[in-house]
Amino acid sequence: MKQPNKMPTILENKLKQMMYQKICFTRKSKNISNYRIYKELNLNPGNANAFLKYGDVSKVSLDTARKILAFVNKY
């Protein structure tokens, strides 16, 4: 039986990078602040800012990146 791998895969990181690009474009076009995102979604401000400002995909999970993308798309 194969054990689940806890380390993020290359594919997960690539998906988060693609989501980051879409998030940045949408966030800027709708003028959504980082503060609004992490407060509304109850995210850790340090990790959220590292992801949203610098694209550090190691700071957020794939699920969190999906939540952020869904939020900025609905906003």
C-alpha atoms as a PDB file:
ATOM      1  CA  MET A   1       0.000   0.000   0.000  1.00  0.00           C
ATOM      2  CA  LYS A   2       1.423   3.369  -1.037  1.00  0.00           C
ATOM      3  CA  GLN A   3       1.721   5.985   1.704  1.00  0.00           C
ATOM      4  CA  PRO A   4       0.513   9.521   0.953  1.00  0.00           C
ATOM      5  CA  ASN A   5       3.280  11.963   0.188  1.00  0.00           C
ATOM      6  CA  LYS A   6       3.091  15.056   2.396  1.00  0.00           C
ATOM      7  CA  MET A   7       5.584  17.060   0.350  1.00  0.00           C
ATOM      8  CA  PRO A   8       3.996  19.196  -2.361  1.00  0.00           C
ATOM      9  CA  THR A   9       4.528  17.774  -5.788  1.00  0.00           C
ATOM     10  CA  ILE A  10       5.900  19.633  -8.761  1.00  0.00           C
ATOM     11  CA  LEU A  11       2.423  19.528 -10.279  1.00  0.00           C
ATOM     12  CA  GLU A  12       0.850  21.096  -7.171  1.00  0.00           C
ATOM     13  CA  ASN A  13       3.402  23.899  -7.207  1.00  0.00           C
ATOM     14  CA  LYS A  14       2.787  24.510 -10.908  1.00  0.00           C
ATOM     15  CA  LEU A  15      -0.967  24.674 -10.274  1.00  0.00           C
ATOM     16  CA  LYS A  16      -0.441  27.153  -7.443  1.00  0.00           C
ATOM     17  CA  GLN A  17       1.775  29.285  -9.707  1.00  0.00           C
ATOM     18  CA  MET A  18      -0.925  29.330 -12.374  1.00  0.00           C
ATOM     19  CA  MET A  19      -3.550  30.227  -9.756  1.00  0.00           C
ATOM     20  CA  TYR A  20      -1.258  32.964  -8.422  1.00  0.00           C
ATOM     21  CA  GLN A  21      -1.069  34.551 -11.877  1.00  0.00           C
ATOM     22  CA  LYS A  22      -4.855  34.489 -12.247  1.00  0.00           C
ATOM     23  CA  ILE A  23      -5.327  35.791  -8.692  1.00  0.00           C
ATOM     24  CA  CYS A  24      -2.927  38.706  -9.294  1.00  0.00           C
ATOM     25  CA  PHE A  25      -4.589  39.709 -12.544  1.00  0.00           C
ATOM     26  CA  THR A  26      -8.103  39.531 -11.085  1.00  0.00           C
ATOM     27  CA  ARG A  27      -7.117  41.158  -7.783  1.00  0.00           C
ATOM     28  CA  LYS A  28      -5.551  44.132  -9.543  1.00  0.00           C
ATOM     29  CA  SER A  29      -8.392  44.573 -12.012  1.00  0.00           C
ATOM     30  CA  LYS A  30     -10.968  44.519  -9.176  1.00  0.00           C
ATOM     31  CA  ASN A  31      -8.729  46.510  -6.800  1.00  0.00           C
ATOM     32  CA  ILE A  32      -8.877  43.923  -3.984  1.00  0.00           C
ATOM     33  CA  SER A  33      -6.341  44.380  -1.204  1.00  0.00           C
ATOM     34  CA  ASN A  34      -4.361  41.572   0.385  1.00  0.00           C
ATOM     35  CA  TYR A  35      -5.872  42.643   3.701  1.00  0.00           C
ATOM     36  CA  ARG A  36      -9.416  42.062   2.377  1.00  0.00           C
ATOM     37  CA  ILE A  37      -8.466  38.592   1.140  1.00  0.00           C
ATOM     38  CA  TYR A  38      -6.841  37.296   4.295  1.00  0.00           C
ATOM     39  CA  LYS A  39      -9.417  38.870   6.631  1.00  0.00           C
ATOM     40  CA  GLU A  40     -12.430  37.564   4.693  1.00  0.00           C
ATOM     41  CA  LEU A  41     -10.928  34.072   4.385  1.00  0.00           C
ATOM     42  CA  ASN A  42      -9.401  33.992   7.909  1.00  0.00           C
ATOM     43  CA  LEU A  43      -5.903  33.279   6.587  1.00  0.00           C
ATOM     44  CA  ASN A  44      -2.561  33.773   8.285  1.00  0.00           C
ATOM     45  CA  PRO A  45      -1.511  37.292   7.183  1.00  0.00           C
ATOM     46  CA  GLY A  46       2.196  36.433   6.883  1.00  0.00           C
ATOM     47  CA  ASN A  47       1.649  33.399   4.690  1.00  0.00           C
ATOM     48  CA  ALA A  48      -1.085  35.080   2.661  1.00  0.00           C
ATOM     49  CA  ASN A  49       1.103  38.125   1.985  1.00  0.00           C
ATOM     50  CA  ALA A  50       4.098  35.986   1.046  1.00  0.00           C
ATOM     51  CA  PHE A  51       1.913  34.247  -1.523  1.00  0.00           C
ATOM     52  CA  LEU A  52       0.030  37.319  -2.763  1.00  0.00           C
ATOM     53  CA  LYS A  53       2.988  39.736  -2.903  1.00  0.00           C
ATOM     54  CA  TYR A  54       5.863  37.496  -3.884  1.00  0.00           C
ATOM     55  CA  GLY A  55       4.250  34.371  -5.331  1.00  0.00           C
ATOM     56  CA  ASP A  56       5.782  32.107  -2.682  1.00  0.00           C
ATOM     57  CA  VAL A  57       3.748  28.966  -3.362  1.00  0.00           C
ATOM     58  CA  SER A  58       5.347  27.132  -0.442  1.00  0.00           C
ATOM     59  CA  LYS A  59       3.429  29.349   2.009  1.00  0.00           C
ATOM     60  CA  VAL A  60      -0.084  28.205   1.084  1.00  0.00           C
ATOM     61  CA  SER A  61      -1.718  24.875   0.393  1.00  0.00           C
ATOM     62  CA  LEU A  62      -3.390  24.034  -2.876  1.00  0.00           C
ATOM     63  CA  ASP A  63      -6.740  24.240  -1.075  1.00  0.00           C
ATOM     64  CA  THR A  64      -5.952  27.739   0.213  1.00  0.00           C
ATOM     65  CA  ALA A  65      -4.895  28.901  -3.250  1.00  0.00           C
ATOM     66  CA  ARG A  66      -8.226  27.584  -4.581  1.00  0.00           C
ATOM     67  CA  LYS A  67     -10.120  29.474  -1.868  1.00  0.00           C
ATOM     68  CA  ILE A  68      -8.300  32.711  -2.707  1.00  0.00           C
ATOM     69  CA  LEU A  69      -8.965  32.273  -6.425  1.00  0.00           C
ATOM     70  CA  ALA A  70     -12.660  31.591  -5.795  1.00  0.00           C
ATOM     71  CA  PHE A  71     -12.879  34.645  -3.536  1.00  0.00           C
ATOM     72  CA  VAL A  72     -11.327  37.082  -6.012  1.00  0.00           C
ATOM     73  CA  ASN A  73     -13.468  35.695  -8.838  1.00  0.00           C
ATOM     74  CA  LYS A  74     -16.684  36.250  -6.831  1.00  0.00           C
ATOM     75  CA  TYR A  75     -15.728  39.631  -5.347  1.00  0.00           C
END
